[in-house]
PDB file of N, CA and C in Angstrom:
ATOM      1  N   UNK A   1       0.724  -0.978  -0.016  1.00  0.00           N
ATOM      2  CA  UNK A   1       0.327  -0.100   0.065  1.00  0.00           C
ATOM      3  C   UNK A   1       0.551   1.034  -0.284  1.00  0.00           C
ATOM      4  N   UNK A   2       1.751   1.292   0.584  1.00  0.00           N
ATOM      5  CA  UNK A   2       2.529   2.449   0.926  1.00  0.00           C
ATOM      6  C   UNK A   2       3.611   2.821  -0.845  1.00  0.00           C
ATOM      7  N   UNK A   3       4.128   1.396  -1.489  1.00  0.00           N
ATOM      8  CA  UNK A   3       4.661   1.892  -2.564  1.00  0.00           C
ATOM      9  C   UNK A   3       3.678   2.167  -3.458  1.00  0.00           C
ATOM     10  N   UNK A   4       2.095   2.240  -2.981  1.00  0.00           N
ATOM     11  CA  UNK A   4       1.488   2.742  -4.223  1.00  0.00           C
ATOM     12  C   UNK A   4       1.169   4.324  -3.885  1.00  0.00           C
ATOM     13  N   UNK A   5       0.881   4.316  -2.645  1.00  0.00           N
ATOM     14  CA  UNK A   5       0.948   5.825  -1.918  1.00  0.00           C
ATOM     15  C   UNK A   5       2.424   6.617  -2.666  1.00  0.00           C
ATOM     16  N   UNK A   6       3.426   5.928  -2.671  1.00  0.00           N
ATOM     17  CA  UNK A   6       4.310   6.767  -2.861  1.00  0.00           C
ATOM     18  C   UNK A   6       4.550   7.088  -4.219  1.00  0.00           C
ATOM     19  N   UNK A   7       3.794   5.798  -5.254  1.00  0.00           N
ATOM     20  CA  UNK A   7       3.746   6.247  -7.049  1.00  0.00           C
ATOM     21  C   UNK A   7       2.933   7.483  -6.883  1.00  0.00           C
ATOM     22  N   UNK A   8       1.835   7.565  -6.028  1.00  0.00           N
ATOM     23  CA  UNK A   8       0.519   8.497  -6.310  1.00  0.00           C
ATOM     24  C   UNK A   8       1.457   9.980  -6.047  1.00  0.00           C
ATOM     25  N   UNK A   9       2.086  10.163  -5.411  1.00  0.00           N
ATOM     26  CA  UNK A   9       2.843  11.268  -4.484  1.00  0.00           C
ATOM     27  C   UNK A   9       3.465  11.491  -5.850  1.00  0.00           C
ATOM     28  N   UNK A  10       4.793  10.897  -6.587  1.00  0.00           N
ATOM     29  CA  UNK A  10       5.150  11.199  -7.474  1.00  0.00           C
ATOM     30  C   UNK A  10       4.414  11.264  -8.457  1.00  0.00           C
ATOM     31  N   UNK A  11       3.225  10.923  -8.750  1.00  0.00           N
ATOM     32  CA  UNK A  11       2.979  11.669  -9.858  1.00  0.00           C
ATOM     33  C   UNK A  11       2.124  12.353 -10.011  1.00  0.00           C
ATOM     34  N   UNK A  12       1.988  13.242  -8.750  1.00  0.00           N
ATOM     35  CA  UNK A  12       1.221  14.255  -8.026  1.00  0.00           C
ATOM     36  C   UNK A  12       2.454  15.096  -8.414  1.00  0.00           C
ATOM     37  N   UNK A  13       3.291  15.182  -7.904  1.00  0.00           N
ATOM     38  CA  UNK A  13       5.152  16.011  -7.988  1.00  0.00           C
ATOM     39  C   UNK A  13       5.000  15.986  -9.678  1.00  0.00           C
ATOM     40  N   UNK A  14       5.031  15.124 -10.339  1.00  0.00           N
ATOM     41  CA  UNK A  14       5.842  15.507 -11.399  1.00  0.00           C
ATOM     42  C   UNK A  14       4.623  15.961 -12.560  1.00  0.00           C
ATOM     43  N   UNK A  15       3.233  16.217 -12.391  1.00  0.00           N
ATOM     44  CA  UNK A  15       1.798  16.663 -12.660  1.00  0.00           C
ATOM     45  C   UNK A  15       2.098  18.168 -12.277  1.00  0.00           C
ATOM     46  N   UNK A  16       2.375  18.566 -11.025  1.00  0.00           N
ATOM     47  CA  UNK A  16       2.561  20.036 -10.322  1.00  0.00           C
ATOM     48  C   UNK A  16       3.734  20.428 -11.214  1.00  0.00           C
ATOM     49  N   UNK A  17       5.304  20.183 -11.155  1.00  0.00           N
ATOM     50  CA  UNK A  17       6.284  20.447 -11.768  1.00  0.00           C
ATOM     51  C   UNK A  17       5.889  20.672 -13.542  1.00  0.00           C
ATOM     52  N   UNK A  18       5.278  19.954 -14.173  1.00  0.00           N
ATOM     53  CA  UNK A  18       5.037  20.071 -15.050  1.00  0.00           C
ATOM     54  C   UNK A  18       3.768  21.447 -16.062  1.00  0.00           C
ATOM     55  N   UNK A  19       3.071  21.194 -14.900  1.00  0.00           N
ATOM     56  CA  UNK A  19       1.828  22.606 -14.756  1.00  0.00           C
ATOM     57  C   UNK A  19       2.872  23.513 -14.505  1.00  0.00           C
ATOM     58  N   UNK A  20       3.513  24.070 -13.334  1.00  0.00           N
ATOM     59  CA  UNK A  20       4.511  24.804 -13.784  1.00  0.00           C
ATOM     60  C   UNK A  20       5.244  25.509 -14.971  1.00  0.00           C
ATOM     61  N   UNK A  21       6.112  24.127 -15.572  1.00  0.00           N
ATOM     62  CA  UNK A  21       6.775  24.550 -16.700  1.00  0.00           C
ATOM     63  C   UNK A  21       6.172  24.940 -17.671  1.00  0.00           C
ATOM     64  N   UNK A  22       4.741  24.515 -17.835  1.00  0.00           N
ATOM     65  CA  UNK A  22       3.962  24.637 -19.049  1.00  0.00           C
ATOM     66  C   UNK A  22       3.182  26.371 -18.757  1.00  0.00           C
ATOM     67  N   UNK A  23       3.163  26.966 -17.631  1.00  0.00           N
ATOM     68  CA  UNK A  23       2.865  28.255 -17.080  1.00  0.00           C
ATOM     69  C   UNK A  23       4.180  28.885 -17.425  1.00  0.00           C
ATOM     70  N   UNK A  24       5.060  28.734 -17.448  1.00  0.00           N
ATOM     71  CA  UNK A  24       6.583  29.493 -17.916  1.00  0.00           C
ATOM     72  C   UNK A  24       6.260  29.432 -19.377  1.00  0.00           C
ATOM     73  N   UNK A  25       6.303  28.117 -19.813  1.00  0.00           N
ATOM     74  CA  UNK A  25       6.036  28.239 -21.391  1.00  0.00           C
ATOM     75  C   UNK A  25       5.620  29.034 -21.987  1.00  0.00           C
ATOM     76  N   UNK A  26       4.131  29.143 -21.468  1.00  0.00           N
ATOM     77  CA  UNK A  26       3.301  30.246 -22.052  1.00  0.00           C
ATOM     78  C   UNK A  26       3.685  31.477 -21.919  1.00  0.00           C
ATOM     79  N   UNK A  27       3.761  31.772 -20.359  1.00  0.00           N
ATOM     80  CA  UNK A  27       4.672  33.324 -20.525  1.00  0.00           C
ATOM     81  C   UNK A  27       5.516  33.269 -21.631  1.00  0.00           C
ATOM     82  N   UNK A  28       6.316  32.812 -21.548  1.00  0.00           N
ATOM     83  CA  UNK A  28       7.378  33.382 -22.404  1.00  0.00           C
ATOM     84  C   UNK A  28       6.897  33.502 -24.037  1.00  0.00           C
ATOM     85  N   UNK A  29       5.714  32.673 -24.089  1.00  0.00           N
ATOM     86  CA  UNK A  29       5.201  32.643 -26.015  1.00  0.00           C
ATOM     87  C   UNK A  29       4.825  34.050 -25.727  1.00  0.00           C
ATOM     88  N   UNK A  30       3.911  34.470 -24.921  1.00  0.00           N
ATOM     89  CA  UNK A  30       2.963  35.453 -25.036  1.00  0.00           C
ATOM     90  C   UNK A  30       4.383  36.829 -25.095  1.00  0.00           C
ATOM     91  N   UNK A  31       5.373  36.825 -24.516  1.00  0.00           N
ATOM     92  CA  UNK A  31       6.384  37.916 -24.243  1.00  0.00           C
ATOM     93  C   UNK A  31       7.189  37.906 -25.582  1.00  0.00           C
ATOM     94  N   UNK A  32       7.331  36.455 -26.299  1.00  0.00           N
ATOM     95  CA  UNK A  32       8.398  36.608 -27.883  1.00  0.00           C
ATOM     96  C   UNK A  32       6.664  37.055 -28.699  1.00  0.00           C
ATOM     97  N   UNK A  33       5.724  36.419 -28.385  1.00  0.00           N
ATOM     98  CA  UNK A  33       4.839  37.283 -29.496  1.00  0.00           C
ATOM     99  C   UNK A  33       4.556  38.630 -29.162  1.00  0.00           C
ATOM    100  N   UNK A  34       4.808  39.359 -28.517  1.00  0.00           N
ATOM    101  CA  UNK A  34       4.630  40.903 -28.091  1.00  0.00           C
ATOM    102  C   UNK A  34       5.483  41.067 -28.870  1.00  0.00           C
ATOM    103  N   UNK A  35       6.865  41.003 -28.126  1.00  0.00           N
ATOM    104  CA  UNK A  35       8.350  41.310 -29.138  1.00  0.00           C
ATOM    105  C   UNK A  35       8.095  41.187 -30.490  1.00  0.00           C
ATOM    106  N   UNK A  36       7.561  40.217 -31.144  1.00  0.00           N
ATOM    107  CA  UNK A  36       7.523  39.692 -32.462  1.00  0.00           C
ATOM    108  C   UNK A  36       6.462  40.937 -33.118  1.00  0.00           C
ATOM    109  N   UNK A  37       5.386  41.476 -32.895  1.00  0.00           N
ATOM    110  CA  UNK A  37       4.651  42.324 -32.834  1.00  0.00           C
ATOM    111  C   UNK A  37       5.184  43.690 -32.823  1.00  0.00           C
ATOM    112  N   UNK A  38       5.676  43.958 -32.122  1.00  0.00           N
ATOM    113  CA  UNK A  38       6.422  44.947 -32.017  1.00  0.00           C
ATOM    114  C   UNK A  38       7.472  45.292 -32.740  1.00  0.00           C
ATOM    115  N   UNK A  39       8.234  44.359 -33.222  1.00  0.00           N
ATOM    116  CA  UNK A  39       9.249  44.318 -34.130  1.00  0.00           C
ATOM    117  C   UNK A  39       8.780  44.205 -35.772  1.00  0.00           C
ATOM    118  N   UNK A  40       7.326  43.414 -35.589  1.00  0.00           N
ATOM    119  CA  UNK A  40       6.735  43.741 -37.030  1.00  0.00           C
ATOM    120  C   UNK A  40       6.335  45.210 -37.384  1.00  0.00           C
ATOM    121  N   UNK A  41       5.946  45.954 -36.494  1.00  0.00           N
ATOM    122  CA  UNK A  41       5.580  47.116 -36.531  1.00  0.00           C
ATOM    123  C   UNK A  41       6.598  48.318 -36.697  1.00  0.00           C
ATOM    124  N   UNK A  42       7.787  48.120 -36.182  1.00  0.00           N
ATOM    125  CA  UNK A  42       8.782  49.008 -36.086  1.00  0.00           C
ATOM    126  C   UNK A  42       9.493  48.494 -37.754  1.00  0.00           C
ATOM    127  N   UNK A  43       9.321  47.159 -38.194  1.00  0.00           N
ATOM    128  CA  UNK A  43       9.737  47.193 -39.558  1.00  0.00           C
ATOM    129  C   UNK A  43       8.984  47.946 -40.640  1.00  0.00           C
ATOM    130  N   UNK A  44       7.539  47.734 -40.417  1.00  0.00           N
ATOM    131  CA  UNK A  44       6.839  48.240 -41.550  1.00  0.00           C
ATOM    132  C   UNK A  44       6.672  49.787 -41.233  1.00  0.00           C
ATOM    133  N   UNK A  45       6.656  50.105 -40.274  1.00  0.00           N
ATOM    134  CA  UNK A  45       6.761  51.901 -40.085  1.00  0.00           C
ATOM    135  C   UNK A  45       7.983  52.512 -40.605  1.00  0.00           C
ATOM    136  N   UNK A  46       9.090  51.897 -39.742  1.00  0.00           N
ATOM    137  CA  UNK A  46      10.698  52.489 -40.221  1.00  0.00           C
ATOM    138  C   UNK A  46      11.243  51.822 -40.876  1.00  0.00           C
ATOM    139  N   UNK A  47      11.391  51.023 -41.051  1.00  0.00           N
ATOM    140  CA  UNK A  47      13.170  50.208 -41.930  1.00  0.00           C
ATOM    141  C   UNK A  47      12.494  49.915 -43.401  1.00  0.00           C
ATOM    142  N   UNK A  48      11.367  49.754 -43.345  1.00  0.00           N
ATOM    143  CA  UNK A  48      10.571  49.758 -45.308  1.00  0.00           C
ATOM    144  C   UNK A  48      10.837  50.590 -46.143  1.00  0.00           C
ATOM    145  N   UNK A  49      10.111  51.838 -45.426  1.00  0.00           N
ATOM    146  CA  UNK A  49      10.048  53.018 -45.665  1.00  0.00           C
ATOM    147  C   UNK A  49      10.911  54.002 -45.925  1.00  0.00           C
ATOM    148  N   UNK A  50      12.537  53.586 -44.702  1.00  0.00           N
ATOM    149  CA  UNK A  50      13.478  54.008 -44.953  1.00  0.00           C
ATOM    150  C   UNK A  50      14.648  53.732 -45.946  1.00  0.00           C
ATOM    151  N   UNK A  51      14.304  52.211 -46.159  1.00  0.00           N
ATOM    152  CA  UNK A  51      14.788  51.401 -46.940  1.00  0.00           C
ATOM    153  C   UNK A  51      14.241  51.969 -48.664  1.00  0.00           C
ATOM    154  N   UNK A  52      13.254  52.098 -48.307  1.00  0.00           N
ATOM    155  CA  UNK A  52      12.712  52.383 -50.081  1.00  0.00           C
ATOM    156  C   UNK A  52      13.274  53.761 -50.296  1.00  0.00           C
ATOM    157  N   UNK A  53      13.374  54.627 -49.528  1.00  0.00           N
ATOM    158  CA  UNK A  53      13.932  56.063 -49.788  1.00  0.00           C
ATOM    159  C   UNK A  53      15.191  55.945 -50.195  1.00  0.00           C
ATOM    160  N   UNK A  54      16.192  54.863 -49.566  1.00  0.00           N
ATOM    161  CA  UNK A  54      17.577  54.832 -49.537  1.00  0.00           C
ATOM    162  C   UNK A  54      17.736  54.166 -50.944  1.00  0.00           C
ATOM    163  N   UNK A  55      16.779  53.256 -51.909  1.00  0.00           N
ATOM    164  CA  UNK A  55      16.727  52.464 -52.723  1.00  0.00           C
ATOM    165  C   UNK A  55      16.533  53.381 -53.761  1.00  0.00           C
ATOM    166  N   UNK A  56      15.331  54.563 -53.654  1.00  0.00           N
ATOM    167  CA  UNK A  56      15.355  55.727 -54.611  1.00  0.00           C
ATOM    168  C   UNK A  56      16.391  56.446 -55.122  1.00  0.00           C
ATOM    169  N   UNK A  57      17.083  56.818 -53.710  1.00  0.00           N
ATOM    170  CA  UNK A  57      17.970  57.973 -53.766  1.00  0.00           C
ATOM    171  C   UNK A  57      19.573  57.150 -54.187  1.00  0.00           C
ATOM    172  N   UNK A  58      19.402  55.569 -54.358  1.00  0.00           N
ATOM    173  CA  UNK A  58      20.498  55.094 -55.062  1.00  0.00           C
ATOM    174  C   UNK A  58      20.207  55.129 -56.405  1.00  0.00           C
ATOM    175  N   UNK A  59      19.005  54.493 -56.661  1.00  0.00           N
ATOM    176  CA  UNK A  59      18.758  54.780 -58.306  1.00  0.00           C
ATOM    177  C   UNK A  59      18.948  55.870 -59.185  1.00  0.00           C
ATOM    178  N   UNK A  60      18.261  57.076 -58.028  1.00  0.00           N
ATOM    179  CA  UNK A  60      18.714  58.313 -58.874  1.00  0.00           C
ATOM    180  C   UNK A  60      19.948  58.443 -59.028  1.00  0.00           C
ATOM    181  N   UNK A  61      20.877  58.614 -58.110  1.00  0.00           N
ATOM    182  CA  UNK A  61      22.142  58.725 -58.690  1.00  0.00           C
ATOM    183  C   UNK A  61      22.722  57.559 -59.193  1.00  0.00           C
ATOM    184  N   UNK A  62      22.513  56.612 -59.845  1.00  0.00           N
ATOM    185  CA  UNK A  62      23.308  55.864 -60.278  1.00  0.00           C
ATOM    186  C   UNK A  62      22.579  56.264 -62.074  1.00  0.00           C
ATOM    187  N   UNK A  63      21.655  56.701 -62.063  1.00  0.00           N
ATOM    188  CA  UNK A  63      20.959  56.929 -63.433  1.00  0.00           C
ATOM    189  C   UNK A  63      20.993  57.983 -63.764  1.00  0.00           C
ATOM    190  N   UNK A  64      21.775  59.184 -63.191  1.00  0.00           N
ATOM    191  CA  UNK A  64      22.581  60.477 -63.178  1.00  0.00           C
ATOM    192  C   UNK A  64      23.887  60.124 -63.460  1.00  0.00           C
ATOM    193  N   UNK A  65      24.642  59.348 -62.877  1.00  0.00           N
ATOM    194  CA  UNK A  65      25.665  59.083 -63.643  1.00  0.00           C
ATOM    195  C   UNK A  65      25.763  58.110 -64.870  1.00  0.00           C
ATOM    196  N   UNK A  66      24.735  56.979 -64.851  1.00  0.00           N
ATOM    197  CA  UNK A  66      25.164  56.712 -66.067  1.00  0.00           C
ATOM    198  C   UNK A  66      24.790  57.264 -67.540  1.00  0.00           C
ATOM    199  N   UNK A  67      23.670  58.159 -67.174  1.00  0.00           N
ATOM    200  CA  UNK A  67      23.566  59.041 -68.299  1.00  0.00           C
ATOM    201  C   UNK A  67      24.102  60.584 -68.579  1.00  0.00           C
ATOM    202  N   UNK A  68      24.941  60.416 -67.797  1.00  0.00           N
ATOM    203  CA  UNK A  68      25.461  61.661 -67.937  1.00  0.00           C
ATOM    204  C   UNK A  68      26.063  61.974 -68.868  1.00  0.00           C
ATOM    205  N   UNK A  69      26.438  63.132 -69.391  1.00  0.00           N
ATOM    206  CA  UNK A  69      26.217  62.928 -70.747  1.00  0.00           C
ATOM    207  C   UNK A  69      26.100  62.573 -72.114  1.00  0.00           C
ATOM    208  N   UNK A  70      25.190  61.997 -71.861  1.00  0.00           N
ATOM    209  CA  UNK A  70      24.301  61.104 -72.863  1.00  0.00           C
ATOM    210  C   UNK A  70      23.371  62.575 -73.785  1.00  0.00           C
ATOM    211  N   UNK A  71      23.103  62.135 -75.155  1.00  0.00           N
ATOM    212  CA  UNK A  71      22.610  63.012 -75.901  1.00  0.00           C
ATOM    213  C   UNK A  71      20.894  62.385 -75.532  1.00  0.00           C
ATOM    214  N   UNK A  72      20.031  62.993 -74.848  1.00  0.00           N
ATOM    215  CA  UNK A  72      18.914  62.635 -75.026  1.00  0.00           C
ATOM    216  C   UNK A  72      18.056  61.985 -75.799  1.00  0.00           C
ATOM    217  N   UNK A  73      18.272  62.945 -76.919  1.00  0.00           N
ATOM    218  CA  UNK A  73      17.733  63.013 -78.628  1.00  0.00           C
ATOM    219  C   UNK A  73      17.988  61.346 -79.126  1.00  0.00           C
ATOM    220  N   UNK A  74      19.125  61.108 -78.599  1.00  0.00           N
ATOM    221  CA  UNK A  74      19.147  59.452 -78.683  1.00  0.00           C
ATOM    222  C   UNK A  74      18.178  58.468 -78.754  1.00  0.00           C
ATOM    223  N   UNK A  75      17.515  58.408 -77.271  1.00  0.00           N
ATOM    224  CA  UNK A  75      16.733  57.793 -77.314  1.00  0.00           C
ATOM    225  C   UNK A  75      14.986  57.840 -77.596  1.00  0.00           C
ATOM    226  N   UNK A  76      14.860  59.172 -78.314  1.00  0.00           N
ATOM    227  CA  UNK A  76      13.605  59.463 -78.575  1.00  0.00           C
ATOM    228  C   UNK A  76      13.324  58.457 -79.769  1.00  0.00           C
ATOM    229  N   UNK A  77      14.401  58.104 -80.697  1.00  0.00           N
ATOM    230  CA  UNK A  77      13.991  57.485 -82.206  1.00  0.00           C
ATOM    231  C   UNK A  77      13.283  55.831 -81.629  1.00  0.00           C
TER     232      UNK A  77
END
C-alpha cells in the first residue's frame, strides 16, 4: 500500500512540476509574440520606408551618373 501511495505522490509531484513548466512556457510565448508584433510594427513603420527612400536615392544617383553626358535625343528614336 505504501508503494502505491509513493507512486501517487510522485505522479502528483511530476504533474505539478509540468504544470509549472507549462505556465512558464506560455508566459515566454506571450512575451515573444508581443516582441514579434513590436518588431513587425517597427519594420513596417520605419525600416521599409527608409529602405525604399535609400533605394530611390541610389537609383537616382546611378541613373544620373550612367546617363550623364548622353544625348537624350538618341533615346527618342
